PDB file of N, CA and C in Angstrom:
ATOM      1  N   UNK A   1       0.844  -1.168   0.000  1.00  0.00           N
ATOM      2  CA  UNK A   1       0.000   0.000   0.000  1.00  0.00           C
ATOM      3  C   UNK A   1       0.900   1.246   0.000  1.00  0.00           C
ATOM      4  N   UNK A   2       0.699   2.167  -0.943  1.00  0.00           N
ATOM      5  CA  UNK A   2       1.552   3.356  -1.006  1.00  0.00           C
ATOM      6  C   UNK A   2       1.253   4.346   0.124  1.00  0.00           C
ATOM      7  N   UNK A   3       2.282   5.068   0.514  1.00  0.00           N
ATOM      8  CA  UNK A   3       2.120   6.125   1.507  1.00  0.00           C
ATOM      9  C   UNK A   3       1.298   7.261   0.902  1.00  0.00           C
ATOM     10  N   UNK A   4       0.809   8.132   1.755  1.00  0.00           N
ATOM     11  CA  UNK A   4       0.079   9.317   1.318  1.00  0.00           C
ATOM     12  C   UNK A   4       0.734  10.541   1.931  1.00  0.00           C
ATOM     13  N   UNK A   5       0.680  11.628   1.211  1.00  0.00           N
ATOM     14  CA  UNK A   5       1.291  12.871   1.659  1.00  0.00           C
ATOM     15  C   UNK A   5       0.227  13.947   1.754  1.00  0.00           C
ATOM     16  N   UNK A   6       0.193  14.593   2.892  1.00  0.00           N
ATOM     17  CA  UNK A   6      -0.723  15.705   3.109  1.00  0.00           C
ATOM     18  C   UNK A   6       0.121  16.966   2.937  1.00  0.00           C
ATOM     19  N   UNK A   7      -0.280  17.823   2.005  1.00  0.00           N
ATOM     20  CA  UNK A   7       0.481  19.019   1.666  1.00  0.00           C
ATOM     21  C   UNK A   7      -0.373  20.241   1.976  1.00  0.00           C
ATOM     22  N   UNK A   8       0.209  21.175   2.713  1.00  0.00           N
ATOM     23  CA  UNK A   8      -0.515  22.363   3.155  1.00  0.00           C
ATOM     24  C   UNK A   8       0.244  23.612   2.723  1.00  0.00           C
ATOM     25  N   UNK A   9      -0.482  24.535   2.148  1.00  0.00           N
ATOM     26  CA  UNK A   9       0.019  25.877   1.863  1.00  0.00           C
ATOM     27  C   UNK A   9      -0.772  26.811   2.779  1.00  0.00           C
ATOM     28  N   UNK A  10      -0.077  27.610   3.557  1.00  0.00           N
ATOM     29  CA  UNK A  10      -0.792  28.479   4.492  1.00  0.00           C
ATOM     30  C   UNK A  10      -0.133  29.845   4.593  1.00  0.00           C
ATOM     31  N   UNK A  11      -0.934  30.787   5.054  1.00  0.00           N
ATOM     32  CA  UNK A  11      -0.446  32.131   5.345  1.00  0.00           C
ATOM     33  C   UNK A  11      -0.932  32.483   6.744  1.00  0.00           C
ATOM     34  N   UNK A  12      -0.024  32.499   7.679  1.00  0.00           N
ATOM     35  CA  UNK A  12      -0.367  32.776   9.076  1.00  0.00           C
ATOM     36  C   UNK A  12      -0.446  34.281   9.274  1.00  0.00           C
ATOM     37  N   UNK A  13      -1.576  34.733   9.807  1.00  0.00           N
ATOM     38  CA  UNK A  13      -1.760  36.162  10.061  1.00  0.00           C
ATOM     39  C   UNK A  13      -1.765  36.486  11.551  1.00  0.00           C
ATOM     40  N   UNK A  14      -1.974  35.470  12.378  1.00  0.00           N
ATOM     41  CA  UNK A  14      -1.973  35.661  13.828  1.00  0.00           C
ATOM     42  C   UNK A  14      -1.126  34.552  14.458  1.00  0.00           C
ATOM     43  N   UNK A  15       0.192  34.771  14.544  1.00  0.00           N
ATOM     44  CA  UNK A  15       1.088  33.727  15.052  1.00  0.00           C
ATOM     45  C   UNK A  15       0.747  33.251  16.466  1.00  0.00           C
ATOM     46  N   UNK A  16       0.294  34.142  17.312  1.00  0.00           N
ATOM     47  CA  UNK A  16      -0.063  33.743  18.683  1.00  0.00           C
ATOM     48  C   UNK A  16      -1.247  32.785  18.675  1.00  0.00           C
ATOM     49  N   UNK A  17      -2.254  33.103  17.890  1.00  0.00           N
ATOM     50  CA  UNK A  17      -3.431  32.221  17.787  1.00  0.00           C
ATOM     51  C   UNK A  17      -3.057  30.888  17.123  1.00  0.00           C
ATOM     52  N   UNK A  18      -2.149  30.937  16.149  1.00  0.00           N
ATOM     53  CA  UNK A  18      -1.731  29.732  15.439  1.00  0.00           C
ATOM     54  C   UNK A  18      -1.006  28.768  16.371  1.00  0.00           C
ATOM     55  N   UNK A  19      -0.390  29.278  17.423  1.00  0.00           N
ATOM     56  CA  UNK A  19       0.297  28.420  18.393  1.00  0.00           C
ATOM     57  C   UNK A  19      -0.655  27.409  19.023  1.00  0.00           C
ATOM     58  N   UNK A  20      -1.924  27.780  19.195  1.00  0.00           N
ATOM     59  CA  UNK A  20      -2.910  26.854  19.752  1.00  0.00           C
ATOM     60  C   UNK A  20      -3.117  25.670  18.798  1.00  0.00           C
ATOM     61  N   UNK A  21      -3.164  25.944  17.499  1.00  0.00           N
ATOM     62  CA  UNK A  21      -3.279  24.883  16.497  1.00  0.00           C
ATOM     63  C   UNK A  21      -2.040  23.992  16.523  1.00  0.00           C
ATOM     64  N   UNK A  22      -0.869  24.633  16.579  1.00  0.00           N
ATOM     65  CA  UNK A  22       0.401  23.891  16.586  1.00  0.00           C
ATOM     66  C   UNK A  22       0.530  23.013  17.831  1.00  0.00           C
ATOM     67  N   UNK A  23      -0.130  23.379  18.898  1.00  0.00           N
ATOM     68  CA  UNK A  23      -0.084  22.566  20.116  1.00  0.00           C
ATOM     69  C   UNK A  23      -0.992  21.336  20.005  1.00  0.00           C
ATOM     70  N   UNK A  24      -2.059  21.434  19.225  1.00  0.00           N
ATOM     71  CA  UNK A  24      -3.042  20.349  19.129  1.00  0.00           C
ATOM     72  C   UNK A  24      -2.834  19.419  17.934  1.00  0.00           C
ATOM     73  N   UNK A  25      -2.439  19.951  16.805  1.00  0.00           N
ATOM     74  CA  UNK A  25      -2.374  19.164  15.567  1.00  0.00           C
ATOM     75  C   UNK A  25      -1.399  17.980  15.630  1.00  0.00           C
ATOM     76  N   UNK A  26      -0.184  18.128  16.167  1.00  0.00           N
ATOM     77  CA  UNK A  26       0.752  16.995  16.125  1.00  0.00           C
ATOM     78  C   UNK A  26       0.239  15.723  16.800  1.00  0.00           C
ATOM     79  N   UNK A  27      -0.487  15.856  17.895  1.00  0.00           N
ATOM     80  CA  UNK A  27      -1.022  14.670  18.565  1.00  0.00           C
ATOM     81  C   UNK A  27      -2.050  13.967  17.681  1.00  0.00           C
ATOM     82  N   UNK A  28      -2.892  14.756  17.011  1.00  0.00           N
ATOM     83  CA  UNK A  28      -3.887  14.172  16.106  1.00  0.00           C
ATOM     84  C   UNK A  28      -3.194  13.485  14.929  1.00  0.00           C
ATOM     85  N   UNK A  29      -2.190  14.128  14.381  1.00  0.00           N
ATOM     86  CA  UNK A  29      -1.436  13.560  13.259  1.00  0.00           C
ATOM     87  C   UNK A  29      -0.806  12.230  13.663  1.00  0.00           C
ATOM     88  N   UNK A  30      -0.173  12.202  14.809  1.00  0.00           N
ATOM     89  CA  UNK A  30       0.498  10.990  15.298  1.00  0.00           C
ATOM     90  C   UNK A  30      -0.496   9.838  15.495  1.00  0.00           C
ATOM     91  N   UNK A  31      -1.704  10.154  15.944  1.00  0.00           N
ATOM     92  CA  UNK A  31      -2.720   9.124  16.185  1.00  0.00           C
ATOM     93  C   UNK A  31      -3.096   8.370  14.906  1.00  0.00           C
ATOM     94  N   UNK A  32      -2.875   8.988  13.746  1.00  0.00           N
ATOM     95  CA  UNK A  32      -3.196   8.342  12.471  1.00  0.00           C
ATOM     96  C   UNK A  32      -1.941   7.894  11.726  1.00  0.00           C
ATOM     97  N   UNK A  33      -0.835   7.811  12.457  1.00  0.00           N
ATOM     98  CA  UNK A  33       0.403   7.315  11.866  1.00  0.00           C
ATOM     99  C   UNK A  33       1.138   8.338  11.031  1.00  0.00           C
ATOM    100  N   UNK A  34       0.758   9.604  11.159  1.00  0.00           N
ATOM    101  CA  UNK A  34       1.394  10.645  10.362  1.00  0.00           C
ATOM    102  C   UNK A  34       2.661  11.167  10.996  1.00  0.00           C
ATOM    103  N   UNK A  35       3.517  11.721  10.151  1.00  0.00           N
ATOM    104  CA  UNK A  35       4.733  12.370  10.639  1.00  0.00           C
ATOM    105  C   UNK A  35       5.007  13.608   9.794  1.00  0.00           C
ATOM    106  N   UNK A  36       5.492  14.641  10.456  1.00  0.00           N
ATOM    107  CA  UNK A  36       5.845  15.874   9.760  1.00  0.00           C
ATOM    108  C   UNK A  36       7.181  15.690   9.046  1.00  0.00           C
ATOM    109  N   UNK A  37       7.218  16.042   7.761  1.00  0.00           N
ATOM    110  CA  UNK A  37       8.451  16.034   6.987  1.00  0.00           C
ATOM    111  C   UNK A  37       8.948  17.466   6.776  1.00  0.00           C
ATOM    112  N   UNK A  38       8.014  18.378   6.584  1.00  0.00           N
ATOM    113  CA  UNK A  38       8.308  19.799   6.391  1.00  0.00           C
ATOM    114  C   UNK A  38       7.299  20.572   7.224  1.00  0.00           C
ATOM    115  N   UNK A  39       7.788  21.552   7.961  1.00  0.00           N
ATOM    116  CA  UNK A  39       6.887  22.362   8.788  1.00  0.00           C
ATOM    117  C   UNK A  39       7.418  23.790   8.780  1.00  0.00           C
ATOM    118  N   UNK A  40       7.017  24.534   7.750  1.00  0.00           N
ATOM    119  CA  UNK A  40       7.579  25.869   7.577  1.00  0.00           C
ATOM    120  C   UNK A  40       8.983  25.734   7.007  1.00  0.00           C
ATOM    121  N   UNK A  41       9.854  26.602   7.379  1.00  0.00           N
ATOM    122  CA  UNK A  41      11.235  26.518   6.916  1.00  0.00           C
ATOM    123  C   UNK A  41      11.473  27.315   5.645  1.00  0.00           C
ATOM    124  N   UNK A  42      12.708  27.367   5.291  1.00  0.00           N
ATOM    125  CA  UNK A  42      13.131  28.151   4.126  1.00  0.00           C
ATOM    126  C   UNK A  42      12.549  27.563   2.856  1.00  0.00           C
ATOM    127  N   UNK A  43      12.129  28.435   1.951  1.00  0.00           N
ATOM    128  CA  UNK A  43      11.469  28.028   0.713  1.00  0.00           C
ATOM    129  C   UNK A  43      12.026  28.871  -0.430  1.00  0.00           C
ATOM    130  N   UNK A  44      12.275  28.249  -1.563  1.00  0.00           N
ATOM    131  CA  UNK A  44      12.766  28.960  -2.747  1.00  0.00           C
ATOM    132  C   UNK A  44      12.068  28.387  -3.976  1.00  0.00           C
ATOM    133  N   UNK A  45      11.370  29.221  -4.725  1.00  0.00           N
ATOM    134  CA  UNK A  45      10.662  28.793  -5.930  1.00  0.00           C
ATOM    135  C   UNK A  45      11.669  28.660  -7.073  1.00  0.00           C
ATOM    136  N   UNK A  46      11.684  27.496  -7.712  1.00  0.00           N
ATOM    137  CA  UNK A  46      12.600  27.247  -8.826  1.00  0.00           C
ATOM    138  C   UNK A  46      11.971  27.528 -10.187  1.00  0.00           C
ATOM    139  N   UNK A  47      10.668  27.240 -10.310  1.00  0.00           N
ATOM    140  CA  UNK A  47       9.964  27.475 -11.570  1.00  0.00           C
ATOM    141  C   UNK A  47       8.536  27.880 -11.286  1.00  0.00           C
ATOM    142  N   UNK A  48       7.963  28.650 -12.181  1.00  0.00           N
ATOM    143  CA  UNK A  48       6.551  29.002 -12.088  1.00  0.00           C
ATOM    144  C   UNK A  48       6.292  30.226 -11.224  1.00  0.00           C
ATOM    145  N   UNK A  49       4.999  30.522 -11.085  1.00  0.00           N
ATOM    146  CA  UNK A  49       4.550  31.717 -10.380  1.00  0.00           C
ATOM    147  C   UNK A  49       4.068  31.448  -8.963  1.00  0.00           C
ATOM    148  N   UNK A  50       4.077  30.187  -8.545  1.00  0.00           N
ATOM    149  CA  UNK A  50       3.573  29.823  -7.225  1.00  0.00           C
ATOM    150  C   UNK A  50       4.497  30.406  -6.161  1.00  0.00           C
ATOM    151  N   UNK A  51       3.946  31.182  -5.243  1.00  0.00           N
ATOM    152  CA  UNK A  51       4.705  31.812  -4.165  1.00  0.00           C
ATOM    153  C   UNK A  51       4.069  31.465  -2.816  1.00  0.00           C
ATOM    154  N   UNK A  52       4.134  30.213  -2.400  1.00  0.00           N
ATOM    155  CA  UNK A  52       3.483  29.852  -1.139  1.00  0.00           C
ATOM    156  C   UNK A  52       4.181  30.526   0.044  1.00  0.00           C
ATOM    157  N   UNK A  53       3.416  31.162   0.925  1.00  0.00           N
ATOM    158  CA  UNK A  53       4.016  31.810   2.092  1.00  0.00           C
ATOM    159  C   UNK A  53       4.629  30.798   3.066  1.00  0.00           C
ATOM    160  N   UNK A  54       3.980  29.641   3.213  1.00  0.00           N
ATOM    161  CA  UNK A  54       4.449  28.615   4.144  1.00  0.00           C
ATOM    162  C   UNK A  54       3.978  27.258   3.631  1.00  0.00           C
ATOM    163  N   UNK A  55       4.847  26.257   3.735  1.00  0.00           N
ATOM    164  CA  UNK A  55       4.498  24.904   3.304  1.00  0.00           C
ATOM    165  C   UNK A  55       4.678  23.932   4.461  1.00  0.00           C
ATOM    166  N   UNK A  56       3.783  22.963   4.514  1.00  0.00           N
ATOM    167  CA  UNK A  56       3.883  21.865   5.465  1.00  0.00           C
ATOM    168  C   UNK A  56       3.626  20.579   4.680  1.00  0.00           C
ATOM    169  N   UNK A  57       4.436  19.555   4.933  1.00  0.00           N
ATOM    170  CA  UNK A  57       4.265  18.260   4.272  1.00  0.00           C
ATOM    171  C   UNK A  57       4.311  17.183   5.348  1.00  0.00           C
ATOM    172  N   UNK A  58       3.309  16.313   5.325  1.00  0.00           N
ATOM    173  CA  UNK A  58       3.243  15.197   6.265  1.00  0.00           C
ATOM    174  C   UNK A  58       3.128  13.900   5.487  1.00  0.00           C
ATOM    175  N   UNK A  59       3.657  12.832   6.041  1.00  0.00           N
ATOM    176  CA  UNK A  59       3.542  11.503   5.424  1.00  0.00           C
ATOM    177  C   UNK A  59       2.680  10.624   6.322  1.00  0.00           C
ATOM    178  N   UNK A  60       1.768   9.877   5.695  1.00  0.00           N
ATOM    179  CA  UNK A  60       0.904   8.930   6.387  1.00  0.00           C
ATOM    180  C   UNK A  60       1.109   7.551   5.786  1.00  0.00           C
ATOM    181  N   UNK A  61       0.796   6.503   6.534  1.00  0.00           N
ATOM    182  CA  UNK A  61       0.999   5.149   6.011  1.00  0.00           C
ATOM    183  C   UNK A  61       0.161   4.845   4.768  1.00  0.00           C
ATOM    184  N   UNK A  62      -0.986   5.508   4.630  1.00  0.00           N
ATOM    185  CA  UNK A  62      -1.858   5.273   3.477  1.00  0.00           C
ATOM    186  C   UNK A  62      -2.840   6.431   3.343  1.00  0.00           C
ATOM    187  N   UNK A  63      -3.501   6.469   2.201  1.00  0.00           N
ATOM    188  CA  UNK A  63      -4.448   7.539   1.863  1.00  0.00           C
ATOM    189  C   UNK A  63      -5.596   7.611   2.868  1.00  0.00           C
ATOM    190  N   UNK A  64      -6.115   6.458   3.258  1.00  0.00           N
ATOM    191  CA  UNK A  64      -7.266   6.410   4.163  1.00  0.00           C
ATOM    192  C   UNK A  64      -6.929   7.011   5.531  1.00  0.00           C
ATOM    193  N   UNK A  65      -5.722   6.763   6.021  1.00  0.00           N
ATOM    194  CA  UNK A  65      -5.315   7.323   7.313  1.00  0.00           C
ATOM    195  C   UNK A  65      -5.248   8.845   7.248  1.00  0.00           C
ATOM    196  N   UNK A  66      -4.710   9.364   6.161  1.00  0.00           N
ATOM    197  CA  UNK A  66      -4.626  10.821   5.998  1.00  0.00           C
ATOM    198  C   UNK A  66      -6.024  11.437   5.929  1.00  0.00           C
ATOM    199  N   UNK A  67      -6.938  10.784   5.204  1.00  0.00           N
ATOM    200  CA  UNK A  67      -8.315  11.285   5.124  1.00  0.00           C
ATOM    201  C   UNK A  67      -9.003  11.212   6.477  1.00  0.00           C
ATOM    202  N   UNK A  68      -8.783  10.127   7.206  1.00  0.00           N
ATOM    203  CA  UNK A  68      -9.439   9.944   8.514  1.00  0.00           C
ATOM    204  C   UNK A  68      -8.987  11.000   9.522  1.00  0.00           C
ATOM    205  N   UNK A  69      -7.745  11.431   9.427  1.00  0.00           N
ATOM    206  CA  UNK A  69      -7.262  12.485  10.327  1.00  0.00           C
ATOM    207  C   UNK A  69      -8.156  13.709  10.257  1.00  0.00           C
ATOM    208  N   UNK A  70      -8.484  14.139   9.055  1.00  0.00           N
ATOM    209  CA  UNK A  70      -9.162  15.420   8.859  1.00  0.00           C
ATOM    210  C   UNK A  70     -10.460  15.546   9.654  1.00  0.00           C
ATOM    211  N   UNK A  71     -11.260  14.514   9.693  1.00  0.00           N
ATOM    212  CA  UNK A  71     -12.550  14.571  10.392  1.00  0.00           C
ATOM    213  C   UNK A  71     -12.516  13.965  11.786  1.00  0.00           C
ATOM    214  N   UNK A  72     -11.335  13.618  12.261  1.00  0.00           N
ATOM    215  CA  UNK A  72     -11.238  13.044  13.610  1.00  0.00           C
ATOM    216  C   UNK A  72     -11.544  14.120  14.656  1.00  0.00           C
ATOM    217  N   UNK A  73     -12.120  13.741  15.792  1.00  0.00           N
ATOM    218  CA  UNK A  73     -12.434  14.724  16.831  1.00  0.00           C
ATOM    219  C   UNK A  73     -11.222  15.559  17.260  1.00  0.00           C
ATOM    220  N   UNK A  74     -10.060  14.942  17.353  1.00  0.00           N
ATOM    221  CA  UNK A  74      -8.859  15.683  17.778  1.00  0.00           C
ATOM    222  C   UNK A  74      -8.464  16.732  16.742  1.00  0.00           C
ATOM    223  N   UNK A  75      -8.586  16.400  15.450  1.00  0.00           N
ATOM    224  CA  UNK A  75      -8.190  17.384  14.442  1.00  0.00           C
ATOM    225  C   UNK A  75      -9.283  18.434  14.230  1.00  0.00           C
ATOM    226  N   UNK A  76     -10.533  18.070  14.427  1.00  0.00           N
ATOM    227  CA  UNK A  76     -11.607  19.070  14.381  1.00  0.00           C
ATOM    228  C   UNK A  76     -11.349  20.131  15.456  1.00  0.00           C
ATOM    229  N   UNK A  77     -10.900  19.694  16.612  1.00  0.00           N
ATOM    230  CA  UNK A  77     -10.555  20.627  17.696  1.00  0.00           C
ATOM    231  C   UNK A  77      -9.371  21.509  17.292  1.00  0.00           C
ATOM    232  N   UNK A  78      -8.373  20.930  16.665  1.00  0.00           N
ATOM    233  CA  UNK A  78      -7.216  21.699  16.200  1.00  0.00           C
ATOM    234  C   UNK A  78      -7.632  22.713  15.141  1.00  0.00           C
ATOM    235  N   UNK A  79      -8.494  22.300  14.214  1.00  0.00           N
ATOM    236  CA  UNK A  79      -8.975  23.233  13.173  1.00  0.00           C
ATOM    237  C   UNK A  79      -9.722  24.395  13.794  1.00  0.00           C
ATOM    238  N   UNK A  80     -10.514  24.127  14.809  1.00  0.00           N
ATOM    239  CA  UNK A  80     -11.251  25.201  15.483  1.00  0.00           C
ATOM    240  C   UNK A  80     -10.283  26.178  16.154  1.00  0.00           C
ATOM    241  N   UNK A  81      -9.202  25.663  16.715  1.00  0.00           N
ATOM    242  CA  UNK A  81      -8.202  26.518  17.358  1.00  0.00           C
ATOM    243  C   UNK A  81      -7.482  27.384  16.327  1.00  0.00           C
ATOM    244  N   UNK A  82      -7.402  26.917  15.096  1.00  0.00           N
ATOM    245  CA  UNK A  82      -6.732  27.644  14.014  1.00  0.00           C
ATOM    246  C   UNK A  82      -7.611  28.751  13.440  1.00  0.00           C
ATOM    247  N   UNK A  83      -8.904  28.680  13.667  1.00  0.00           N
ATOM    248  CA  UNK A  83      -9.848  29.633  13.093  1.00  0.00           C
ATOM    249  C   UNK A  83      -9.422  31.068  13.404  1.00  0.00           C
ATOM    250  N   UNK A  84      -9.290  31.877  12.378  1.00  0.00           N
ATOM    251  CA  UNK A  84      -8.912  33.268  12.543  1.00  0.00           C
ATOM    252  C   UNK A  84      -7.413  33.514  12.595  1.00  0.00           C
ATOM    253  N   UNK A  85      -6.605  32.460  12.527  1.00  0.00           N
ATOM    254  CA  UNK A  85      -5.150  32.619  12.618  1.00  0.00           C
ATOM    255  C   UNK A  85      -4.471  32.661  11.247  1.00  0.00           C
ATOM    256  N   UNK A  86      -5.225  32.333  10.183  1.00  0.00           N
ATOM    257  CA  UNK A  86      -4.632  32.290   8.848  1.00  0.00           C
ATOM    258  C   UNK A  86      -5.498  33.038   7.842  1.00  0.00           C
ATOM    259  N   UNK A  87      -4.842  33.645   6.868  1.00  0.00           N
ATOM    260  CA  UNK A  87      -5.559  34.274   5.758  1.00  0.00           C
ATOM    261  C   UNK A  87      -5.862  33.239   4.685  1.00  0.00           C
ATOM    262  N   UNK A  88      -5.071  32.152   4.691  1.00  0.00           N
ATOM    263  CA  UNK A  88      -5.230  31.100   3.699  1.00  0.00           C
ATOM    264  C   UNK A  88      -4.703  29.802   4.283  1.00  0.00           C
ATOM    265  N   UNK A  89      -5.399  28.706   4.014  1.00  0.00           N
ATOM    266  CA  UNK A  89      -4.970  27.386   4.467  1.00  0.00           C
ATOM    267  C   UNK A  89      -5.491  26.373   3.460  1.00  0.00           C
ATOM    268  N   UNK A  90      -4.648  25.999   2.504  1.00  0.00           N
ATOM    269  CA  UNK A  90      -5.016  25.029   1.472  1.00  0.00           C
ATOM    270  C   UNK A  90      -4.379  23.697   1.809  1.00  0.00           C
ATOM    271  N   UNK A  91      -5.151  22.614   1.699  1.00  0.00           N
ATOM    272  CA  UNK A  91      -4.669  21.292   2.087  1.00  0.00           C
ATOM    273  C   UNK A  91      -5.115  20.262   1.066  1.00  0.00           C
ATOM    274  N   UNK A  92      -4.167  19.410   0.634  1.00  0.00           N
ATOM    275  CA  UNK A  92      -4.488  18.307  -0.272  1.00  0.00           C
ATOM    276  C   UNK A  92      -3.808  17.041   0.232  1.00  0.00           C
ATOM    277  N   UNK A  93      -4.344  15.907  -0.180  1.00  0.00           N
ATOM    278  CA  UNK A  93      -3.721  14.607   0.076  1.00  0.00           C
ATOM    279  C   UNK A  93      -3.379  14.032  -1.288  1.00  0.00           C
ATOM    280  N   UNK A  94      -2.178  13.507  -1.404  1.00  0.00           N
ATOM    281  CA  UNK A  94      -1.761  12.852  -2.639  1.00  0.00           C
ATOM    282  C   UNK A  94      -1.114  11.520  -2.281  1.00  0.00           C
ATOM    283  N   UNK A  95      -1.474  10.509  -3.053  1.00  0.00           N
ATOM    284  CA  UNK A  95      -0.901   9.186  -2.829  1.00  0.00           C
ATOM    285  C   UNK A  95       0.491   9.123  -3.449  1.00  0.00           C
ATOM    286  N   UNK A  96       1.418   8.527  -2.730  1.00  0.00           N
ATOM    287  CA  UNK A  96       2.803   8.423  -3.194  1.00  0.00           C
ATOM    288  C   UNK A  96       3.038   7.205  -4.073  1.00  0.00           C
ATOM    289  N   UNK A  97       4.266   7.040  -4.459  1.00  0.00           N
ATOM    290  CA  UNK A  97       4.642   5.910  -5.320  1.00  0.00           C
ATOM    291  C   UNK A  97       5.346   4.850  -4.502  1.00  0.00           C
TER     292      UNK A  97
END
């Protein structure tokens, strides 16, 4: 079964409020076998017009685990804590090879 990657592009507008999300999300991610591979950090665009302010990449054991995280009670709580802390938060799941 191929791994799945959850990719997030975000723009944090309230870093203090975002800290509440950062305190809750990792436990929810871990409960579904996920691990953070990229969490912010230096970014340099090599091609194209995409200018993501912040990127996060997580790996999960499979697509279903990554999908299950999103609606889990622990992550719903984390999402609520994030409310109002970002101007943009785009998230996709992609199956790996």
